[in-house]
Amino acid sequence: MNIKESLRKIFDRFVVINLLAMLVVIILLCIGVGFGLDIYTHHGENIEVPNLKGMNCEKAERQLAELGLTVVVSDSGHNKKLPANSILLQTPGEGQKVKRGHVIYVTVNSPSSPSFALPDLVDNSSYREAEARLTAMGFRLDPPKMVDGEKDWVYGILCRGHRVSNGDRVSIDHPLTLMVGKGTIEDLDDIDMVGAEEVEESGDADEFEEVKEP
């Protein structure tokens, strides 16, 4: 078989048609994948996130569903000025551009105030340390109650007139009162023990007269 016959077989019409058909299929696949990705990722589509703060969570879900967005409750808080189940925070925020199907995470208002376990403060911290830790947790503090003890040392915690202990769960709506030492522990009076050997000799000491037997 010479070179001419070999080239004729390679470039046979049937082979050429098959090659062209494969090329067309590859091109169509590339175009289809491109359109599919655009549809899947919503390329070029932007939806402006509305303001949800203060809105009832169920109402917000319906409104966002019409826009093609989804609401997910990620946390809860408590605000006395707002009704229960209303939205306190949202992420992404108002005005941001997102694509269809994006998830909006919200924090909803709890019907009751949260409660926290009291940290280990009694007999373990100063007044300043206890005050800083409790206020950071969200507790309100009434003026401290001064008790006998080491100055500025925490000896107890009161809630609504009752003593509470480390680990007890207390609502942040209830103010706390720290029992703080005022530094006025009275030391025990020193008792001077006087022994016979400690009696000082003085000129006023009783004199003993020697009695002789007759």
N, C-alpha and C. Protein backbone atom coordinates (compact mmCIF):
# COMPACT_ATOMS: atom_id res chain seq x y z
N MET A 1 0.86 -1.20 0.00
CA MET A 1 0.00 0.00 0.00
C MET A 1 0.89 1.24 0.00
N ASN A 2 0.69 2.09 -1.02
CA ASN A 2 1.52 3.28 -1.10
C ASN A 2 0.90 4.41 -0.30
N ILE A 3 1.62 5.52 -0.23
CA ILE A 3 1.18 6.68 0.57
C ILE A 3 -0.10 7.27 0.03
N LYS A 4 -0.27 7.28 -1.23
CA LYS A 4 -1.46 7.87 -1.84
C LYS A 4 -2.72 7.12 -1.43
N GLU A 5 -2.65 5.80 -1.44
CA GLU A 5 -3.81 5.01 -1.04
C GLU A 5 -4.11 5.17 0.44
N SER A 6 -3.05 5.30 1.24
CA SER A 6 -3.24 5.50 2.69
C SER A 6 -3.96 6.81 2.96
N LEU A 7 -3.54 7.89 2.32
CA LEU A 7 -4.19 9.19 2.53
C LEU A 7 -5.63 9.16 2.04
N ARG A 8 -5.87 8.41 0.97
CA ARG A 8 -7.23 8.34 0.44
C ARG A 8 -8.15 7.65 1.46
N LYS A 9 -7.65 6.62 2.15
CA LYS A 9 -8.46 5.95 3.15
C LYS A 9 -8.70 6.84 4.37
N ILE A 10 -7.66 7.58 4.76
CA ILE A 10 -7.79 8.45 5.94
C ILE A 10 -8.82 9.53 5.69
N PHE A 11 -8.79 10.13 4.51
CA PHE A 11 -9.70 11.24 4.19
C PHE A 11 -10.93 10.75 3.41
N ASP A 12 -11.30 9.52 3.64
CA ASP A 12 -12.52 8.99 3.06
C ASP A 12 -13.72 9.82 3.51
N ARG A 13 -14.72 9.93 2.66
CA ARG A 13 -15.86 10.79 2.96
C ARG A 13 -16.57 10.36 4.24
N PHE A 14 -16.67 9.09 4.47
CA PHE A 14 -17.35 8.59 5.66
C PHE A 14 -16.62 9.01 6.94
N VAL A 15 -15.29 8.91 6.88
CA VAL A 15 -14.49 9.30 8.05
C VAL A 15 -14.60 10.79 8.31
N VAL A 16 -14.55 11.57 7.21
CA VAL A 16 -14.65 13.01 7.37
C VAL A 16 -16.00 13.40 7.98
N ILE A 17 -17.06 12.76 7.52
CA ILE A 17 -18.40 13.07 8.06
C ILE A 17 -18.46 12.76 9.56
N ASN A 18 -17.91 11.64 9.95
CA ASN A 18 -17.89 11.28 11.37
C ASN A 18 -17.11 12.28 12.22
N LEU A 19 -15.99 12.70 11.69
CA LEU A 19 -15.20 13.69 12.42
C LEU A 19 -15.95 15.00 12.57
N LEU A 20 -16.60 15.44 11.48
CA LEU A 20 -17.37 16.68 11.55
C LEU A 20 -18.54 16.55 12.53
N ALA A 21 -19.19 15.39 12.53
CA ALA A 21 -20.30 15.16 13.46
C ALA A 21 -19.82 15.22 14.90
N MET A 22 -18.69 14.63 15.22
CA MET A 22 -18.13 14.66 16.57
C MET A 22 -17.80 16.10 16.98
N LEU A 23 -17.25 16.87 16.02
CA LEU A 23 -16.91 18.27 16.31
C LEU A 23 -18.17 19.07 16.64
N VAL A 24 -19.24 18.84 15.87
CA VAL A 24 -20.49 19.55 16.12
C VAL A 24 -21.05 19.20 17.50
N VAL A 25 -20.99 17.90 17.84
CA VAL A 25 -21.49 17.46 19.15
C VAL A 25 -20.72 18.12 20.29
N ILE A 26 -19.39 18.19 20.13
CA ILE A 26 -18.56 18.82 21.17
C ILE A 26 -18.93 20.30 21.32
N ILE A 27 -19.12 20.98 20.18
CA ILE A 27 -19.48 22.41 20.24
C ILE A 27 -20.83 22.60 20.93
N LEU A 28 -21.80 21.74 20.57
CA LEU A 28 -23.13 21.85 21.19
C LEU A 28 -23.07 21.56 22.69
N LEU A 29 -22.25 20.59 23.08
CA LEU A 29 -22.10 20.29 24.51
C LEU A 29 -21.53 21.48 25.27
N CYS A 30 -20.52 22.11 24.69
CA CYS A 30 -19.92 23.29 25.34
C CYS A 30 -20.94 24.41 25.50
N ILE A 31 -21.72 24.65 24.44
CA ILE A 31 -22.73 25.70 24.50
C ILE A 31 -23.80 25.36 25.54
N GLY A 32 -24.22 24.07 25.58
CA GLY A 32 -25.23 23.65 26.54
C GLY A 32 -24.76 23.77 27.97
N VAL A 33 -23.51 23.39 28.22
CA VAL A 33 -22.96 23.52 29.58
C VAL A 33 -22.90 24.97 30.00
N GLY A 34 -22.51 25.84 29.09
CA GLY A 34 -22.45 27.27 29.41
C GLY A 34 -23.80 27.83 29.78
N PHE A 35 -24.82 27.51 28.96
CA PHE A 35 -26.18 27.98 29.29
C PHE A 35 -26.67 27.37 30.60
N GLY A 36 -26.33 26.09 30.82
CA GLY A 36 -26.77 25.43 32.05
C GLY A 36 -26.18 26.08 33.28
N LEU A 37 -24.90 26.43 33.21
CA LEU A 37 -24.26 27.09 34.35
C LEU A 37 -24.87 28.46 34.60
N ASP A 38 -25.16 29.18 33.53
CA ASP A 38 -25.78 30.50 33.70
C ASP A 38 -27.14 30.38 34.38
N ILE A 39 -27.90 29.35 33.96
CA ILE A 39 -29.22 29.17 34.57
C ILE A 39 -29.08 28.73 36.02
N TYR A 40 -28.14 27.81 36.27
CA TYR A 40 -27.97 27.28 37.63
C TYR A 40 -27.46 28.34 38.60
N THR A 41 -26.52 29.15 38.16
CA THR A 41 -25.93 30.17 39.02
C THR A 41 -26.64 31.51 38.92
N HIS A 42 -27.68 31.59 38.07
CA HIS A 42 -28.42 32.85 37.87
C HIS A 42 -27.48 33.99 37.51
N HIS A 43 -26.62 33.70 36.56
CA HIS A 43 -25.63 34.68 36.13
C HIS A 43 -26.32 35.96 35.63
N GLY A 44 -25.83 37.09 36.15
CA GLY A 44 -26.37 38.38 35.75
C GLY A 44 -27.66 38.76 36.43
N GLU A 45 -28.16 37.88 37.32
CA GLU A 45 -29.41 38.18 38.03
C GLU A 45 -29.09 38.72 39.42
N ASN A 46 -29.66 39.84 39.80
CA ASN A 46 -29.45 40.45 41.10
C ASN A 46 -30.78 40.78 41.74
N ILE A 47 -30.95 40.34 43.00
CA ILE A 47 -32.16 40.64 43.76
C ILE A 47 -31.75 41.47 44.96
N GLU A 48 -32.41 42.58 45.16
CA GLU A 48 -32.11 43.46 46.29
C GLU A 48 -32.82 42.95 47.54
N VAL A 49 -32.05 42.73 48.61
CA VAL A 49 -32.61 42.21 49.86
C VAL A 49 -33.42 43.31 50.54
N PRO A 50 -34.71 43.04 50.87
CA PRO A 50 -35.53 44.06 51.54
C PRO A 50 -35.21 44.15 53.03
N ASN A 51 -35.71 45.18 53.66
CA ASN A 51 -35.53 45.35 55.10
C ASN A 51 -36.52 44.47 55.85
N LEU A 52 -36.02 43.55 56.66
CA LEU A 52 -36.87 42.62 57.40
C LEU A 52 -36.98 42.93 58.88
N LYS A 53 -36.21 43.87 59.37
CA LYS A 53 -36.18 44.15 60.81
C LYS A 53 -37.55 44.61 61.30
N GLY A 54 -37.98 43.97 62.40
CA GLY A 54 -39.28 44.30 62.99
C GLY A 54 -40.44 43.57 62.34
N MET A 55 -40.20 42.87 61.23
CA MET A 55 -41.26 42.16 60.52
C MET A 55 -41.48 40.78 61.14
N ASN A 56 -42.72 40.33 61.15
CA ASN A 56 -43.02 38.99 61.62
C ASN A 56 -42.29 37.97 60.73
N CYS A 57 -41.74 36.93 61.35
CA CYS A 57 -40.91 35.97 60.61
C CYS A 57 -41.71 35.27 59.52
N GLU A 58 -42.96 34.90 59.78
CA GLU A 58 -43.75 34.21 58.77
C GLU A 58 -44.05 35.13 57.57
N LYS A 59 -44.32 36.38 57.86
CA LYS A 59 -44.56 37.34 56.79
C LYS A 59 -43.30 37.53 55.95
N ALA A 60 -42.16 37.58 56.61
CA ALA A 60 -40.89 37.73 55.90
C ALA A 60 -40.62 36.53 55.00
N GLU A 61 -40.96 35.34 55.48
CA GLU A 61 -40.76 34.14 54.66
C GLU A 61 -41.60 34.20 53.39
N ARG A 62 -42.86 34.64 53.52
CA ARG A 62 -43.71 34.74 52.34
C ARG A 62 -43.19 35.78 51.35
N GLN A 63 -42.75 36.92 51.88
CA GLN A 63 -42.26 37.99 51.01
C GLN A 63 -41.00 37.58 50.27
N LEU A 64 -40.09 36.92 50.96
CA LEU A 64 -38.84 36.50 50.32
C LEU A 64 -39.07 35.34 49.36
N ALA A 65 -40.06 34.49 49.66
CA ALA A 65 -40.37 33.39 48.75
C ALA A 65 -40.82 33.92 47.39
N GLU A 66 -41.54 35.04 47.39
CA GLU A 66 -41.97 35.64 46.12
C GLU A 66 -40.78 36.17 45.32
N LEU A 67 -39.71 36.50 46.03
CA LEU A 67 -38.50 36.99 45.36
C LEU A 67 -37.55 35.85 45.00
N GLY A 68 -37.89 34.64 45.43
CA GLY A 68 -37.01 33.51 45.15
C GLY A 68 -35.93 33.34 46.19
N LEU A 69 -36.11 33.91 47.37
CA LEU A 69 -35.11 33.81 48.44
C LEU A 69 -35.66 32.95 49.58
N THR A 70 -34.76 32.49 50.44
CA THR A 70 -35.12 31.60 51.54
C THR A 70 -34.71 32.21 52.87
N VAL A 71 -35.56 32.03 53.90
CA VAL A 71 -35.28 32.53 55.24
C VAL A 71 -34.89 31.35 56.14
N VAL A 72 -33.81 31.52 56.91
CA VAL A 72 -33.38 30.53 57.90
C VAL A 72 -33.14 31.24 59.22
N VAL A 73 -33.80 30.78 60.29
CA VAL A 73 -33.61 31.36 61.62
C VAL A 73 -32.32 30.79 62.21
N SER A 74 -31.36 31.66 62.46
CA SER A 74 -30.05 31.22 62.94
C SER A 74 -29.84 31.49 64.42
N ASP A 75 -30.66 32.38 65.02
CA ASP A 75 -30.46 32.72 66.43
C ASP A 75 -31.71 33.41 66.96
N SER A 76 -31.74 33.61 68.27
CA SER A 76 -32.86 34.31 68.89
C SER A 76 -32.34 35.31 69.90
N GLY A 77 -33.11 36.34 70.16
CA GLY A 77 -32.76 37.36 71.14
C GLY A 77 -34.02 37.81 71.86
N HIS A 78 -33.90 38.90 72.59
CA HIS A 78 -35.08 39.40 73.29
C HIS A 78 -35.06 40.92 73.32
N ASN A 79 -36.16 41.51 72.85
CA ASN A 79 -36.35 42.96 72.87
C ASN A 79 -37.78 43.22 73.33
N LYS A 80 -37.91 43.83 74.51
CA LYS A 80 -39.23 44.05 75.10
C LYS A 80 -40.11 44.94 74.22
N LYS A 81 -39.50 45.79 73.41
CA LYS A 81 -40.26 46.74 72.62
C LYS A 81 -40.86 46.13 71.36
N LEU A 82 -40.44 44.92 71.01
CA LEU A 82 -40.92 44.27 69.79
C LEU A 82 -41.72 43.02 70.13
N PRO A 83 -42.71 42.67 69.30
CA PRO A 83 -43.50 41.45 69.57
C PRO A 83 -42.67 40.20 69.35
N ALA A 84 -43.14 39.10 69.94
CA ALA A 84 -42.45 37.83 69.78
C ALA A 84 -42.46 37.39 68.32
N ASN A 85 -41.41 36.69 67.92
CA ASN A 85 -41.25 36.13 66.57
C ASN A 85 -41.00 37.19 65.51
N SER A 86 -40.70 38.40 65.93
CA SER A 86 -40.33 39.43 64.96
C SER A 86 -38.81 39.38 64.74
N ILE A 87 -38.38 39.90 63.61
CA ILE A 87 -36.97 39.78 63.22
C ILE A 87 -36.16 40.94 63.83
N LEU A 88 -35.06 40.56 64.49
CA LEU A 88 -34.18 41.54 65.12
C LEU A 88 -32.99 41.89 64.21
N LEU A 89 -32.40 40.89 63.58
CA LEU A 89 -31.23 41.09 62.72
C LEU A 89 -31.36 40.22 61.48
N GLN A 90 -30.68 40.62 60.42
CA GLN A 90 -30.68 39.84 59.18
C GLN A 90 -29.32 39.91 58.51
N THR A 91 -28.96 38.79 57.84
CA THR A 91 -27.71 38.71 57.08
C THR A 91 -27.97 37.91 55.81
N PRO A 92 -27.70 38.49 54.62
CA PRO A 92 -27.20 39.83 54.30
C PRO A 92 -28.19 40.93 54.70
N GLY A 93 -27.67 42.14 54.81
CA GLY A 93 -28.49 43.25 55.24
C GLY A 93 -29.31 43.86 54.13
N GLU A 94 -30.11 44.84 54.52
CA GLU A 94 -31.00 45.53 53.58
C GLU A 94 -30.20 46.18 52.44
N GLY A 95 -30.69 46.02 51.21
CA GLY A 95 -30.09 46.68 50.06
C GLY A 95 -29.00 45.89 49.36
N GLN A 96 -28.51 44.83 49.97
CA GLN A 96 -27.45 44.04 49.32
C GLN A 96 -28.03 43.22 48.16
N LYS A 97 -27.20 42.98 47.15
CA LYS A 97 -27.62 42.26 45.95
C LYS A 97 -27.26 40.78 46.09
N VAL A 98 -28.23 39.92 45.87
CA VAL A 98 -28.00 38.48 45.93
C VAL A 98 -28.67 37.81 44.73
N LYS A 99 -28.42 36.53 44.55
CA LYS A 99 -29.01 35.78 43.46
C LYS A 99 -30.19 34.96 43.96
N ARG A 100 -31.04 34.55 43.03
CA ARG A 100 -32.20 33.74 43.36
C ARG A 100 -31.76 32.46 44.08
N GLY A 101 -32.50 32.11 45.12
CA GLY A 101 -32.17 30.92 45.89
C GLY A 101 -31.25 31.19 47.07
N HIS A 102 -30.77 32.44 47.20
CA HIS A 102 -29.86 32.77 48.30
C HIS A 102 -30.59 32.67 49.64
N VAL A 103 -29.87 32.30 50.69
CA VAL A 103 -30.43 32.14 52.03
C VAL A 103 -30.21 33.42 52.84
N ILE A 104 -31.28 33.92 53.46
CA ILE A 104 -31.20 35.09 54.35
C ILE A 104 -31.30 34.58 55.78
N TYR A 105 -30.25 34.78 56.57
CA TYR A 105 -30.22 34.32 57.96
C TYR A 105 -30.76 35.44 58.87
N VAL A 106 -31.68 35.07 59.78
CA VAL A 106 -32.30 36.08 60.63
C VAL A 106 -32.23 35.67 62.10
N THR A 107 -32.27 36.68 62.98
CA THR A 107 -32.39 36.49 64.43
C THR A 107 -33.77 36.94 64.84
N VAL A 108 -34.54 36.07 65.50
CA VAL A 108 -35.92 36.39 65.84
C VAL A 108 -36.04 36.73 67.32
N ASN A 109 -37.09 37.47 67.65
CA ASN A 109 -37.33 37.91 69.02
C ASN A 109 -38.00 36.80 69.82
N SER A 110 -37.38 36.43 70.93
CA SER A 110 -37.93 35.37 71.78
C SER A 110 -39.07 35.93 72.62
N PRO A 111 -40.11 35.11 72.90
CA PRO A 111 -41.23 35.59 73.73
C PRO A 111 -40.84 35.86 75.17
N SER A 112 -39.74 35.32 75.64
CA SER A 112 -39.30 35.54 77.01
C SER A 112 -37.82 35.90 77.00
N SER A 113 -37.42 36.60 78.04
CA SER A 113 -36.02 37.02 78.13
C SER A 113 -35.13 35.80 78.38
N PRO A 114 -33.92 35.82 77.86
CA PRO A 114 -33.02 34.67 78.06
C PRO A 114 -32.51 34.61 79.49
N SER A 115 -32.14 33.43 79.91
CA SER A 115 -31.56 33.24 81.24
C SER A 115 -30.17 32.62 81.07
N PHE A 116 -29.30 32.94 82.01
CA PHE A 116 -27.93 32.44 81.95
C PHE A 116 -27.53 31.87 83.31
N ALA A 117 -26.65 30.89 83.26
CA ALA A 117 -26.11 30.32 84.50
C ALA A 117 -25.09 31.29 85.09
N LEU A 118 -25.21 31.52 86.39
CA LEU A 118 -24.29 32.44 87.05
C LEU A 118 -22.89 31.85 87.08
N PRO A 119 -21.88 32.63 86.74
CA PRO A 119 -20.50 32.12 86.79
C PRO A 119 -20.02 31.97 88.22
N ASP A 120 -18.87 31.36 88.37
CA ASP A 120 -18.29 31.10 89.70
C ASP A 120 -17.64 32.39 90.22
N LEU A 121 -18.44 33.16 90.95
CA LEU A 121 -17.97 34.46 91.44
C LEU A 121 -17.89 34.52 92.96
N VAL A 122 -18.81 33.84 93.65
CA VAL A 122 -18.88 33.93 95.11
C VAL A 122 -17.62 33.33 95.72
N ASP A 123 -17.00 34.11 96.63
CA ASP A 123 -15.76 33.70 97.29
C ASP A 123 -14.65 33.41 96.28
N ASN A 124 -14.76 34.04 95.11
CA ASN A 124 -13.76 33.74 94.09
C ASN A 124 -13.38 34.96 93.25
N SER A 125 -13.91 36.14 93.59
CA SER A 125 -13.60 37.31 92.77
C SER A 125 -13.86 38.59 93.57
N SER A 126 -13.27 39.65 93.07
CA SER A 126 -13.51 40.97 93.66
C SER A 126 -14.77 41.57 93.08
N TYR A 127 -15.21 42.67 93.67
CA TYR A 127 -16.44 43.32 93.20
C TYR A 127 -16.29 43.78 91.75
N ARG A 128 -15.15 44.36 91.41
CA ARG A 128 -14.95 44.85 90.04
C ARG A 128 -14.97 43.71 89.03
N GLU A 129 -14.33 42.60 89.37
CA GLU A 129 -14.32 41.45 88.47
C GLU A 129 -15.73 40.90 88.26
N ALA A 130 -16.46 40.74 89.36
CA ALA A 130 -17.82 40.21 89.27
C ALA A 130 -18.73 41.16 88.49
N GLU A 131 -18.60 42.45 88.74
CA GLU A 131 -19.42 43.44 88.04
C GLU A 131 -19.16 43.39 86.53
N ALA A 132 -17.89 43.30 86.15
CA ALA A 132 -17.54 43.28 84.73
C ALA A 132 -18.09 42.03 84.05
N ARG A 133 -17.97 40.88 84.68
CA ARG A 133 -18.43 39.63 84.06
C ARG A 133 -19.95 39.60 83.94
N LEU A 134 -20.66 40.05 84.96
CA LEU A 134 -22.12 39.98 84.94
C LEU A 134 -22.71 40.98 83.94
N THR A 135 -22.18 42.19 83.89
CA THR A 135 -22.70 43.17 82.94
C THR A 135 -22.39 42.76 81.51
N ALA A 136 -21.25 42.09 81.30
CA ALA A 136 -20.92 41.61 79.96
C ALA A 136 -21.92 40.54 79.51
N MET A 137 -22.48 39.80 80.45
CA MET A 137 -23.47 38.77 80.13
C MET A 137 -24.86 39.37 79.90
N GLY A 138 -25.04 40.65 80.26
CA GLY A 138 -26.33 41.30 80.05
C GLY A 138 -27.12 41.55 81.32
N PHE A 139 -26.57 41.19 82.48
CA PHE A 139 -27.28 41.40 83.74
C PHE A 139 -27.21 42.86 84.18
N ARG A 140 -28.27 43.29 84.86
CA ARG A 140 -28.27 44.61 85.49
C ARG A 140 -27.97 44.43 86.98
N LEU A 141 -27.20 45.35 87.53
CA LEU A 141 -26.78 45.25 88.93
C LEU A 141 -27.33 46.41 89.75
N ASP A 142 -27.96 46.07 90.89
CA ASP A 142 -28.36 47.07 91.86
C ASP A 142 -27.14 47.44 92.70
N PRO A 143 -27.23 48.53 93.47
CA PRO A 143 -26.11 48.87 94.35
C PRO A 143 -25.75 47.70 95.25
N PRO A 144 -24.48 47.47 95.51
CA PRO A 144 -24.08 46.30 96.31
C PRO A 144 -24.55 46.41 97.75
N LYS A 145 -24.71 45.25 98.37
CA LYS A 145 -25.05 45.18 99.79
C LYS A 145 -23.76 44.91 100.55
N MET A 146 -23.43 45.83 101.45
CA MET A 146 -22.18 45.72 102.17
C MET A 146 -22.35 44.80 103.37
N VAL A 147 -21.41 43.88 103.52
CA VAL A 147 -21.44 42.92 104.62
C VAL A 147 -20.06 42.88 105.26
N ASP A 148 -20.01 42.29 106.44
CA ASP A 148 -18.72 42.13 107.10
C ASP A 148 -17.86 41.16 106.30
N GLY A 149 -16.65 41.54 106.05
CA GLY A 149 -15.76 40.68 105.30
C GLY A 149 -14.63 41.48 104.71
N GLU A 150 -13.77 40.78 103.97
CA GLU A 150 -12.63 41.43 103.33
C GLU A 150 -13.12 42.48 102.34
N LYS A 151 -12.51 43.61 102.33
CA LYS A 151 -12.95 44.74 101.54
C LYS A 151 -13.00 44.39 100.05
N ASP A 152 -14.17 44.72 99.42
CA ASP A 152 -14.40 44.55 97.98
C ASP A 152 -14.39 43.08 97.53
N TRP A 153 -14.56 42.14 98.44
CA TRP A 153 -14.61 40.73 98.07
C TRP A 153 -16.08 40.28 98.01
N VAL A 154 -16.43 39.48 96.99
CA VAL A 154 -17.82 39.06 96.81
C VAL A 154 -18.10 37.83 97.67
N TYR A 155 -19.12 37.96 98.55
CA TYR A 155 -19.49 36.87 99.45
C TYR A 155 -20.84 36.24 99.10
N GLY A 156 -21.57 36.82 98.17
CA GLY A 156 -22.85 36.25 97.79
C GLY A 156 -23.53 37.09 96.72
N ILE A 157 -24.60 36.52 96.13
CA ILE A 157 -25.38 37.21 95.11
C ILE A 157 -26.85 37.08 95.46
N LEU A 158 -27.59 38.18 95.40
CA LEU A 158 -29.02 38.19 95.69
C LEU A 158 -29.80 38.49 94.42
N CYS A 159 -30.93 37.79 94.24
CA CYS A 159 -31.84 38.03 93.13
C CYS A 159 -33.26 38.08 93.68
N ARG A 160 -33.89 39.22 93.58
CA ARG A 160 -35.24 39.44 94.10
C ARG A 160 -35.34 39.05 95.58
N GLY A 161 -34.30 39.41 96.32
CA GLY A 161 -34.30 39.18 97.75
C GLY A 161 -33.85 37.81 98.19
N HIS A 162 -33.60 36.91 97.24
CA HIS A 162 -33.18 35.56 97.58
C HIS A 162 -31.74 35.33 97.14
N ARG A 163 -31.05 34.56 97.92
CA ARG A 163 -29.66 34.27 97.60
C ARG A 163 -29.57 33.21 96.51
N VAL A 164 -28.75 33.45 95.50
CA VAL A 164 -28.55 32.50 94.42
C VAL A 164 -27.09 32.06 94.42
N SER A 165 -26.87 30.88 93.83
CA SER A 165 -25.54 30.27 93.88
C SER A 165 -24.94 30.17 92.48
N ASN A 166 -23.66 29.86 92.46
CA ASN A 166 -22.97 29.65 91.19
C ASN A 166 -23.64 28.52 90.40
N GLY A 167 -23.92 28.76 89.13
CA GLY A 167 -24.55 27.75 88.29
C GLY A 167 -26.06 27.90 88.17
N ASP A 168 -26.70 28.65 89.06
CA ASP A 168 -28.15 28.87 88.96
C ASP A 168 -28.46 29.69 87.72
N ARG A 169 -29.55 29.33 87.02
CA ARG A 169 -29.98 30.07 85.83
C ARG A 169 -30.90 31.20 86.26
N VAL A 170 -30.56 32.42 85.83
CA VAL A 170 -31.30 33.62 86.22
C VAL A 170 -31.62 34.42 84.97
N SER A 171 -32.84 34.93 84.88
CA SER A 171 -33.23 35.76 83.74
C SER A 171 -32.52 37.11 83.81
N ILE A 172 -32.14 37.61 82.64
CA ILE A 172 -31.44 38.90 82.63
C ILE A 172 -32.39 40.05 82.95
N ASP A 173 -33.71 39.77 83.00
CA ASP A 173 -34.66 40.80 83.39
C ASP A 173 -34.61 41.08 84.89
N HIS A 174 -34.05 40.16 85.66
CA HIS A 174 -34.01 40.30 87.11
C HIS A 174 -32.67 40.89 87.54
N PRO A 175 -32.66 42.08 88.12
CA PRO A 175 -31.38 42.66 88.56
C PRO A 175 -30.77 41.87 89.70
N LEU A 176 -29.46 41.92 89.78
CA LEU A 176 -28.72 41.20 90.81
C LEU A 176 -28.10 42.17 91.80
N THR A 177 -27.94 41.71 93.02
CA THR A 177 -27.27 42.50 94.07
C THR A 177 -26.10 41.69 94.59
N LEU A 178 -24.93 42.27 94.52
CA LEU A 178 -23.73 41.60 95.02
C LEU A 178 -23.53 41.92 96.49
N MET A 179 -23.22 40.88 97.25
CA MET A 179 -22.90 41.05 98.68
C MET A 179 -21.38 41.21 98.77
N VAL A 180 -20.98 42.41 99.13
CA VAL A 180 -19.56 42.77 99.06
C VAL A 180 -19.04 43.11 100.46
N GLY A 181 -17.85 42.61 100.75
CA GLY A 181 -17.22 42.89 102.04
C GLY A 181 -16.85 44.35 102.19
N LYS A 182 -17.11 44.88 103.38
CA LYS A 182 -16.81 46.30 103.63
C LYS A 182 -15.52 46.50 104.42
N GLY A 183 -14.82 45.40 104.71
CA GLY A 183 -13.53 45.53 105.36
C GLY A 183 -13.60 45.91 106.81
N THR A 184 -14.62 45.48 107.57
CA THR A 184 -14.78 45.86 108.97
C THR A 184 -14.88 44.64 109.87
N ILE A 185 -14.20 43.57 109.52
CA ILE A 185 -14.20 42.41 110.41
C ILE A 185 -13.47 42.77 111.69
N GLU A 186 -14.13 42.57 112.80
CA GLU A 186 -13.52 42.90 114.08
C GLU A 186 -12.63 41.75 114.53
N ASP A 187 -11.41 42.08 114.75
CA ASP A 187 -10.47 41.06 115.21
C ASP A 187 -10.79 40.68 116.65
N LEU A 188 -10.51 39.46 116.99
CA LEU A 188 -10.71 39.03 118.38
C LEU A 188 -9.77 39.80 119.28
N ASP A 189 -10.34 40.19 120.48
CA ASP A 189 -9.52 40.93 121.45
C ASP A 189 -8.39 40.04 121.93
N ASP A 190 -7.23 40.64 121.97
CA ASP A 190 -6.08 39.89 122.48
C ASP A 190 -6.24 39.70 123.98
N ILE A 191 -6.03 38.49 124.38
CA ILE A 191 -6.13 38.19 125.81
C ILE A 191 -4.72 37.98 126.35
N ASP A 192 -4.37 38.86 127.32
CA ASP A 192 -3.04 38.75 127.91
C ASP A 192 -3.08 37.69 129.00
N MET A 193 -2.34 36.66 128.74
CA MET A 193 -2.25 35.60 129.74
C MET A 193 -1.03 35.91 130.62
N VAL A 194 -1.31 36.13 131.86
CA VAL A 194 -0.26 36.51 132.79
C VAL A 194 0.08 35.30 133.65
N GLY A 195 1.28 34.89 133.61
CA GLY A 195 1.72 33.76 134.43
C GLY A 195 2.52 34.24 135.62
N ALA A 196 2.69 33.35 136.49
CA ALA A 196 3.40 33.74 137.70
C ALA A 196 4.81 34.20 137.39
N GLU A 197 5.36 33.57 136.32
CA GLU A 197 6.73 33.94 135.97
C GLU A 197 6.82 35.29 135.32
N GLU A 198 5.62 35.88 134.94
CA GLU A 198 5.62 37.15 134.25
C GLU A 198 5.35 38.32 135.19
N VAL A 199 5.11 38.02 136.44
CA VAL A 199 4.84 39.08 137.39
C VAL A 199 6.11 39.90 137.62
N GLU A 200 5.93 41.19 137.42
CA GLU A 200 7.10 42.05 137.58
C GLU A 200 7.30 42.33 139.06
N GLU A 201 8.55 42.33 139.42
CA GLU A 201 8.88 42.68 140.80
C GLU A 201 8.75 44.16 140.99
N SER A 202 8.15 44.55 142.05
CA SER A 202 8.01 45.98 142.34
C SER A 202 8.18 46.20 143.83
N GLY A 203 8.32 47.44 144.19
CA GLY A 203 8.50 47.78 145.59
C GLY A 203 7.24 47.61 146.39
N ASP A 204 6.08 47.47 145.67
CA ASP A 204 4.81 47.32 146.38
C ASP A 204 4.49 45.88 146.67
N ALA A 205 5.42 44.97 146.42
CA ALA A 205 5.16 43.55 146.64
C ALA A 205 5.01 43.28 148.12
N ASP A 206 4.14 42.33 148.45
CA ASP A 206 3.89 42.00 149.86
C ASP A 206 5.15 41.44 150.49
N GLU A 207 5.40 41.88 151.72
CA GLU A 207 6.56 41.38 152.45
C GLU A 207 6.10 40.29 153.40
N PHE A 208 6.88 39.24 153.50
CA PHE A 208 6.56 38.12 154.36
C PHE A 208 7.52 38.15 155.55
N GLU A 209 6.92 38.05 156.75
CA GLU A 209 7.75 38.06 157.97
C GLU A 209 8.03 36.63 158.41
N GLU A 210 9.27 36.37 158.59
CA GLU A 210 9.66 35.02 159.00
C GLU A 210 9.25 34.79 160.47
N VAL A 211 8.60 33.68 160.72
CA VAL A 211 8.12 33.34 162.06
C VAL A 211 9.00 32.24 162.62
N LYS A 212 9.57 32.52 163.76
CA LYS A 212 10.43 31.54 164.37
C LYS A 212 9.64 30.77 165.43
N GLU A 213 9.93 29.49 165.51
CA GLU A 213 9.28 28.67 166.52
C GLU A 213 9.91 28.99 167.87
N PRO A 214 9.06 29.03 168.94
CA PRO A 214 9.62 29.31 170.27
C PRO A 214 10.48 28.13 170.76
